[in-house]
Amino acid sequence: MKTIARFGVTATAALLAVFSGWRIWDYYMESPWTRDGRVRADVVSVATDVSGLVSEVAVRDNQSVRKGQLLFRIDNQRARLALRQAEAVLAERRTARDQAEREAARYQALLGSASVSQQKQEQAQASYDEADAAYRQALADRDLAELNLARTEVVAPVNGVVSNVSLRPGDYASAGQGVLALVDSNSLRVEGYFEETKLARIHVGDPVVVHLMGEGRELTGRVESIAAGIADRERSDTHGALANVNPTFNWVRLAQRIPIRVALDPAPQGMLLVTGRTATVTVSSSSH
């Protein structure tokens, strides 16, 4: 009996060891989880639409802002002068167009009489058409001047946090050149880079648990999308439109890392989601 008991204990221990080993193998080699995760967000490079001297900076570094909130102003004296000039030209063109319209109407009323020829009427109509085109051009120039004046105030295009604010009053800002970064808080997400061997167990909509490095609390979310492709570092294009493939081949092939985008649920109160933070991402696969 003692021998049977010892055999039973040994067999049970062996089975537990095999089961534990299989579970550890499945967790580390097959289960869809990775330590290679990052907090990501869309970053807007804020730039002015009109060039000029900065007259006011309304935000400080790392300040939270709302969409439409003033970030900085460009000195608007030149824009205001341009608007006044455009309005003066518009008034002049409006007067010329009204005069040409009256002339065209007068010749149209007299058409057929002995004192007005068809040619005179056509010339009057052409003069009106030319004056009307000049008026519409002046109207567009006025609208553009108004737009340029409005664009001297640069506002936040999205909700978020401004970063890398080194802009100061007196700096010259060039149109289209980014002067500060705005991290879009509505686009915060986690991207996990999973081995391609684990993709079969990952599906869009699967629940996800995220642990940030140095943070005791966890985040939850769901798989939003799986990357459609990654760059092939073994291949480059040539001028002849043929692929230039690296002839080397390693016998030990490492699994490629595929980006998985995770949409996050609301974060716990006080948790700081900083773009670039490291995360461990675990997917609760529906195929488990």
Protein backbone atom coordinates (compact mmCIF):
# COMPACT_ATOMS: atom_id res chain seq x y z
CA MET A 1 0.00 0.00 0.00
CA LYS A 2 2.85 2.34 0.83
CA THR A 3 4.35 1.67 -2.59
CA ILE A 4 1.05 2.44 -4.29
CA ALA A 5 0.68 5.60 -2.24
CA ARG A 6 4.18 6.74 -3.09
CA PHE A 7 3.52 5.98 -6.77
CA GLY A 8 0.29 7.97 -6.62
CA VAL A 9 2.00 10.95 -5.02
CA THR A 10 4.83 10.79 -7.56
CA ALA A 11 2.41 10.48 -10.47
CA THR A 12 0.32 13.37 -9.16
CA ALA A 13 3.42 15.54 -8.74
CA ALA A 14 4.57 14.63 -12.22
CA LEU A 15 1.17 15.48 -13.70
CA LEU A 16 1.11 18.78 -11.83
CA ALA A 17 4.60 19.58 -13.10
CA VAL A 18 3.62 18.74 -16.67
CA PHE A 19 0.43 20.80 -16.38
CA SER A 20 2.28 23.72 -14.81
CA GLY A 21 4.95 23.55 -17.48
CA TRP A 22 2.32 23.48 -20.21
CA ARG A 23 0.53 26.46 -18.66
CA ILE A 24 3.77 28.41 -18.39
CA TRP A 25 4.67 27.55 -21.98
CA ASP A 26 1.21 28.54 -23.19
CA TYR A 27 1.32 31.83 -21.26
CA TYR A 28 4.78 32.92 -22.34
CA MET A 29 4.84 31.50 -25.87
CA GLU A 30 1.25 31.43 -27.09
CA SER A 31 -0.95 33.76 -25.01
CA PRO A 32 -1.54 37.19 -26.60
CA TRP A 33 0.36 39.50 -24.26
CA THR A 34 3.39 41.71 -24.63
CA ARG A 35 5.56 44.02 -22.57
CA ASP A 36 6.27 46.02 -25.71
CA GLY A 37 3.42 48.52 -25.44
CA ARG A 38 3.30 52.30 -25.53
CA VAL A 39 0.84 55.03 -24.72
CA ARG A 40 0.20 56.96 -27.93
CA ALA A 41 -1.71 60.07 -28.98
CA ASP A 42 -2.02 62.23 -32.07
CA VAL A 43 0.21 65.29 -31.88
CA VAL A 44 -0.79 68.48 -33.73
CA SER A 45 2.06 70.72 -34.82
CA VAL A 46 0.48 74.14 -34.27
CA ALA A 47 1.47 76.80 -36.79
CA THR A 48 0.17 80.20 -37.78
CA ASP A 49 -1.56 80.71 -41.12
CA VAL A 50 -0.12 84.23 -41.51
CA SER A 51 3.46 85.29 -40.91
CA GLY A 52 4.32 88.02 -38.44
CA LEU A 53 5.66 89.02 -35.06
CA VAL A 54 4.16 87.29 -32.03
CA SER A 55 2.42 89.87 -29.85
CA GLU A 56 1.04 87.58 -27.13
CA VAL A 57 1.47 83.99 -25.91
CA ALA A 58 -1.64 82.96 -23.98
CA VAL A 59 -0.54 79.51 -22.74
CA ARG A 60 2.31 78.02 -20.75
CA ASP A 61 4.16 74.77 -21.25
CA ASN A 62 2.18 71.59 -20.44
CA GLN A 63 -1.09 73.49 -19.99
CA SER A 64 -4.40 71.80 -20.72
CA VAL A 65 -6.46 73.65 -23.34
CA ARG A 66 -9.90 73.28 -24.89
CA LYS A 67 -10.73 73.37 -28.57
CA GLY A 68 -11.04 77.00 -29.70
CA GLN A 69 -8.97 78.40 -26.81
CA LEU A 70 -6.47 81.14 -27.73
CA LEU A 71 -2.87 79.93 -27.92
CA PHE A 72 -1.05 83.01 -29.23
CA ARG A 73 -1.55 86.15 -31.29
CA ILE A 74 0.29 87.57 -34.28
CA ASP A 75 0.62 91.36 -34.43
CA ASN A 76 -2.39 92.39 -36.54
CA GLN A 77 -1.56 95.97 -37.55
CA ARG A 78 -0.55 95.00 -41.07
CA ALA A 79 -3.63 92.77 -41.42
CA ARG A 80 -5.95 95.57 -40.27
CA LEU A 81 -4.38 97.98 -42.78
CA ALA A 82 -4.80 95.39 -45.54
CA LEU A 83 -8.47 95.02 -44.62
CA ARG A 84 -9.04 98.79 -44.73
CA GLN A 85 -7.39 98.94 -48.13
CA ALA A 86 -9.48 96.06 -49.43
CA GLU A 87 -12.68 97.71 -48.16
CA ALA A 88 -11.77 100.98 -49.93
CA VAL A 89 -11.15 99.17 -53.21
CA LEU A 90 -14.43 97.29 -52.77
CA ALA A 91 -16.36 100.54 -52.30
CA GLU A 92 -14.76 101.99 -55.43
CA ARG A 93 -15.56 98.89 -57.48
CA ARG A 94 -19.14 98.83 -56.17
CA THR A 95 -19.67 102.44 -57.33
CA ALA A 96 -18.22 101.66 -60.76
CA ARG A 97 -20.40 98.57 -61.10
CA ASP A 98 -23.57 100.45 -60.10
CA GLN A 99 -22.81 103.15 -62.67
CA ALA A 100 -22.19 100.57 -65.38
CA GLU A 101 -25.43 98.81 -64.44
CA ARG A 102 -27.41 102.02 -64.84
CA GLU A 103 -25.78 102.70 -68.21
CA ALA A 104 -26.55 99.20 -69.43
CA ALA A 105 -30.18 99.49 -68.30
CA ARG A 106 -30.53 102.88 -70.03
CA TYR A 107 -29.21 101.54 -73.36
CA GLN A 108 -31.38 98.46 -73.02
CA ALA A 109 -34.48 100.66 -72.63
CA LEU A 110 -33.54 102.73 -75.68
CA LEU A 111 -32.68 99.72 -77.83
CA GLY A 112 -34.55 99.88 -81.12
CA SER A 113 -34.77 103.64 -81.21
CA ALA A 114 -32.96 105.68 -83.87
CA SER A 115 -30.51 107.12 -81.32
CA VAL A 116 -29.15 103.78 -79.97
CA SER A 117 -27.60 101.03 -82.01
CA GLN A 118 -27.20 97.35 -81.13
CA GLN A 119 -23.45 97.89 -80.89
CA LYS A 120 -23.86 100.65 -78.27
CA GLN A 121 -26.08 98.40 -76.17
CA GLU A 122 -23.60 95.51 -76.37
CA GLN A 123 -20.74 97.80 -75.39
CA ALA A 124 -22.70 99.02 -72.36
CA GLN A 125 -23.46 95.44 -71.34
CA ALA A 126 -19.80 94.46 -71.72
CA SER A 127 -18.77 97.42 -69.57
CA TYR A 128 -21.18 96.27 -66.88
CA ASP A 129 -19.93 92.69 -67.03
CA GLU A 130 -16.35 93.92 -66.66
CA ALA A 131 -17.25 96.17 -63.73
CA ASP A 132 -19.18 93.35 -62.07
CA ALA A 133 -16.20 90.98 -62.38
CA ALA A 134 -13.91 93.63 -60.89
CA TYR A 135 -16.38 94.10 -58.01
CA ARG A 136 -16.53 90.36 -57.30
CA GLN A 137 -12.72 90.24 -57.31
CA ALA A 138 -12.59 93.11 -54.82
CA LEU A 139 -15.20 91.31 -52.69
CA ALA A 140 -13.02 88.20 -52.61
CA ASP A 141 -9.97 90.30 -51.72
CA ARG A 142 -11.92 91.87 -48.85
CA ASP A 143 -12.99 88.44 -47.57
CA LEU A 144 -9.39 87.25 -47.76
CA ALA A 145 -8.21 90.27 -45.79
CA GLU A 146 -10.85 89.55 -43.13
CA LEU A 147 -9.71 85.94 -42.98
CA ASN A 148 -6.05 86.95 -42.60
CA LEU A 149 -7.01 89.30 -39.77
CA ALA A 150 -8.97 86.53 -38.03
CA ARG A 151 -6.07 84.10 -38.47
CA THR A 152 -3.73 86.37 -36.50
CA GLU A 153 -5.32 84.71 -33.46
CA VAL A 154 -4.18 81.08 -33.32
CA VAL A 155 -6.54 78.83 -31.36
CA ALA A 156 -6.38 75.19 -30.29
CA PRO A 157 -7.80 72.92 -33.01
CA VAL A 158 -8.46 70.07 -30.52
CA ASN A 159 -8.70 69.42 -26.79
CA GLY A 160 -5.34 68.53 -25.33
CA VAL A 161 -2.13 69.62 -23.65
CA VAL A 162 0.35 72.05 -25.20
CA SER A 163 3.97 70.97 -25.04
CA ASN A 164 7.36 72.36 -25.99
CA VAL A 165 6.18 75.96 -25.68
CA SER A 166 9.26 78.07 -26.29
CA LEU A 167 7.42 80.83 -28.19
CA ARG A 168 7.81 84.31 -26.77
CA PRO A 169 6.37 87.75 -27.65
CA GLY A 170 8.61 89.34 -30.26
CA ASP A 171 9.44 86.06 -31.99
CA TYR A 172 8.75 85.94 -35.72
CA ALA A 173 6.40 83.12 -36.72
CA SER A 174 6.40 81.98 -40.33
CA ALA A 175 3.24 80.68 -41.92
CA GLY A 176 3.04 76.89 -41.93
CA GLN A 177 6.00 76.41 -39.57
CA GLY A 178 5.12 74.59 -36.33
CA VAL A 179 5.94 76.56 -33.18
CA LEU A 180 4.46 74.30 -30.50
CA ALA A 181 3.01 70.81 -30.09
CA LEU A 182 -0.53 70.01 -28.99
CA VAL A 183 -1.16 66.47 -27.72
CA ASP A 184 -4.74 65.51 -28.63
CA SER A 185 -6.22 64.14 -25.40
CA ASN A 186 -9.19 62.65 -27.26
CA SER A 187 -6.83 60.38 -29.23
CA LEU A 188 -5.03 58.79 -26.26
CA ARG A 189 -4.63 55.06 -26.83
CA VAL A 190 -2.25 52.18 -26.28
CA GLU A 191 -0.39 50.38 -29.05
CA GLY A 192 0.98 46.94 -28.31
CA TYR A 193 3.50 45.22 -30.56
CA PHE A 194 2.64 41.52 -30.64
CA GLU A 195 4.58 38.66 -32.19
CA GLU A 196 3.00 37.48 -35.41
CA THR A 197 2.64 33.97 -33.96
CA LYS A 198 0.02 35.34 -31.54
CA LEU A 199 -2.18 37.11 -34.09
CA ALA A 200 -4.50 34.11 -34.46
CA ARG A 201 -5.68 34.68 -30.89
CA ILE A 202 -6.31 38.41 -31.29
CA HIS A 203 -9.52 39.79 -32.74
CA VAL A 204 -11.02 43.25 -33.07
CA GLY A 205 -13.24 43.87 -30.06
CA ASP A 206 -11.37 41.55 -27.67
CA PRO A 207 -11.09 42.98 -24.12
CA VAL A 208 -7.66 44.22 -23.10
CA VAL A 209 -5.93 44.85 -19.77
CA VAL A 210 -3.05 47.35 -19.70
CA HIS A 211 -0.49 47.80 -16.92
CA LEU A 212 1.66 50.92 -17.13
CA MET A 213 5.21 50.68 -15.83
CA GLY A 214 5.38 52.12 -12.32
CA GLU A 215 1.58 52.19 -11.94
CA GLY A 216 -0.23 49.81 -9.59
CA ARG A 217 -3.66 50.33 -11.10
CA GLU A 218 -4.68 48.83 -14.42
CA LEU A 219 -6.34 50.20 -17.52
CA THR A 220 -8.95 48.39 -19.54
CA GLY A 221 -9.95 48.68 -23.17
CA ARG A 222 -10.57 46.71 -26.31
CA VAL A 223 -8.74 45.86 -29.51
CA GLU A 224 -9.66 48.60 -31.97
CA SER A 225 -7.63 47.53 -34.99
CA ILE A 226 -4.72 45.43 -36.22
CA ALA A 227 -2.08 47.01 -38.45
CA ALA A 228 -2.51 46.22 -42.14
CA GLY A 229 1.22 46.03 -42.78
CA ILE A 230 4.74 46.75 -41.57
CA ALA A 231 7.88 47.77 -43.44
CA ASP A 232 10.02 45.03 -45.01
CA ARG A 233 13.60 45.85 -44.02
CA GLU A 234 14.95 43.13 -46.29
CA ARG A 235 13.73 44.90 -49.40
CA SER A 236 14.29 48.27 -51.06
CA ASP A 237 13.17 49.74 -54.37
CA THR A 238 15.50 50.36 -57.29
CA HIS A 239 15.36 52.77 -60.20
CA GLY A 240 14.37 49.91 -62.46
CA ALA A 241 11.20 49.32 -60.41
CA LEU A 242 12.51 45.92 -59.35
CA ALA A 243 12.82 44.82 -55.74
CA ASN A 244 16.31 44.83 -54.26
CA VAL A 245 16.21 41.88 -51.83
CA ASN A 246 18.91 41.24 -49.24
CA PRO A 247 20.37 37.78 -50.11
CA THR A 248 21.28 36.94 -46.48
CA PHE A 249 19.11 34.51 -44.52
CA ASN A 250 19.28 33.73 -40.83
CA TRP A 251 18.46 30.17 -39.82
CA VAL A 252 16.93 31.48 -36.61
CA ARG A 253 13.96 33.56 -37.71
CA LEU A 254 12.52 36.00 -35.17
CA ALA A 255 8.79 36.63 -35.20
CA GLN A 256 7.82 40.02 -36.56
CA ARG A 257 6.13 42.50 -34.22
CA ILE A 258 2.71 43.65 -35.42
CA PRO A 259 1.14 46.85 -33.98
CA ILE A 260 -2.24 46.37 -32.30
CA ARG A 261 -4.23 49.51 -31.52
CA VAL A 262 -6.15 49.50 -28.22
CA ALA A 263 -9.01 51.90 -27.49
CA LEU A 264 -8.97 52.72 -23.77
CA ASP A 265 -11.83 52.96 -21.32
CA PRO A 266 -11.82 56.04 -19.02
CA ALA A 267 -8.66 56.00 -16.91
CA PRO A 268 -8.82 55.83 -13.10
CA GLN A 269 -8.86 59.19 -11.34
CA GLY A 270 -5.37 60.66 -11.08
CA MET A 271 -3.67 58.25 -13.48
CA LEU A 272 -1.27 60.19 -15.70
CA LEU A 273 -1.37 59.06 -19.32
CA VAL A 274 1.82 60.46 -20.82
CA THR A 275 2.51 59.74 -24.47
CA GLY A 276 5.40 57.32 -24.72
CA ARG A 277 4.88 55.54 -21.37
CA THR A 278 5.72 51.84 -21.40
CA ALA A 279 2.90 49.34 -20.95
CA THR A 280 2.26 45.63 -20.67
CA VAL A 281 -0.73 44.69 -22.83
CA THR A 282 -2.76 41.51 -22.31
CA VAL A 283 -5.56 40.50 -24.66
CA SER A 284 -8.34 38.25 -23.38
CA SER A 285 -8.61 36.25 -26.58
CA SER A 286 -11.98 34.80 -27.49
CA SER A 287 -10.19 31.72 -28.85
CA HIS A 288 -8.74 30.81 -25.43
